[in-house]
Structures are given as structure tokens and as C-alpha cells.
């Protein structure tokens, strides 16, 4: 059985196994554990992307496709979204969700590793990720790959958990995040891979909003803006690829 220490190494096969084990309850737990805020967070990330209706958008680490679906709602005409994930169970469920919602004409989902995306350079106007870049084994390489497939002048968008700054709220939130959330997650998912103990540990070990901005800038992104929401629980980072 995988331990939390194993998962925090972010070795690809471990992350695949963990997400595969919770795929069927992933959407339910996202809704429960975020108190249904996750939908508004994705909607806000899309808004901050300043995406045009005819844009081509890539959603990496797409999971069951919720960020891809959020982007599709602001696209029209030739606008298209591709969602990619290296966990096949997630991609399969995303595909079923798209078919049920009659969205398969606007969104395509594929199996692909964020570190090795099967797309040509400068293809997408926006490359985005929601709550997934934290699980990539090489953060810098993941951001660089997202930047590679983005057009000059296009945007790289990262929606990720962050650490609240208000002392009182931080204490209350961390009690929930480190004690209550893992208990509920394990109870509902019945995962043997400690998925919902890994979640708070991975967030606390991930760069804070300012260090993540610095990492994005070090990869070559310009004008990286940060937008915190829900008292700092999450932050949206938006960087622009240099060029016209």
C-alpha cells in the first residue's frame, strides 16, 4: 500500500494510482469538501484568463473535466477546449460526463502527461490547470511545457490551493483542512492510498502564492498576476507568454 511519504515524492505511477482509486467519487468530494465553492473558483479562473470566444484552450491535469467545461461556456464559433490527464480513469469519466452534457463537440479529452504534452509549439491561446500542477513531479518542467504550447501573447493560468494569511481564519481553516477533510475524504472514498491526507500535506509543501509567481516568472512568463479568493484558500495565477 502507498504511504503518504510515497505520494509526496510525486512519482508519476503513485499519483496515477491514487487518483485512479478516487475517480468515481472525485466530483462528489470536490463539492462536499469545498462547500461547493470549487465551481465558483473555476469560473473565476476562466474570467481572469480574459479568453476570447474563438480561443483554443488546453486544460492540463483535467481530472473529470470541470475546468474544461467552465472554459467551454465562454467559447463560441471555432473556440475549442482540450482536456488532458495522465490518469486514464479520470479521462474516461470526463469523456462520459461530456457525452451526457452534449459537450463532446466543444471539448475533447485525451490521455497525456503534463510533462510531455503531444502538441506543437504555440498552439493554444490559453493553457490552464486547476488543482493539478501541485501533483506534477517537476513543477518547473510542467510550467515550461504549458508555456511551450501557448501562443506568444497567450496566457498560462494556474488555479491552486494556497495558504490563508488571516491568523484567526488560518487556524480554523487548518483544523478543518488537516483534521476534518482527511477524515471525510477517507470515509467517502474508501481509498487505500491516503488521497485526502495527501491533499493538505501537498498543499503545505507547495510554494505559496508569491513563490509560485516567482517560479512562473523564472520560466519566462511575464506580467504574472495573482488573485486570491475565499480569504486566501485559493489563488489564481495568470502569466503571459512573451511576444505578440
Foldseek 3Di string as FASTA:
>chain_A
DADLVNQLLLDPVLVLVQCLLQLVCVVVLVCVLVVNCPLVLLLVLLVVQPDAQQFEEEEEQCQLNSSLVSNPVSHDDNYAYEYEYQRVSRQVNNVVVCVVVVNCVRYHYDYDQLLDDPAAFQAGLEYEYAAPLLSHNDNLSSLLSRNRNHHAQGKYKYKHFAQFDPVVVRVVVCCCQQPVQLVVCCVVSVDPNSSSNSVVVSRVVDDHPVVVQVSSVVSPFPPWDWDAPDRRRMIMIMTGHHDD
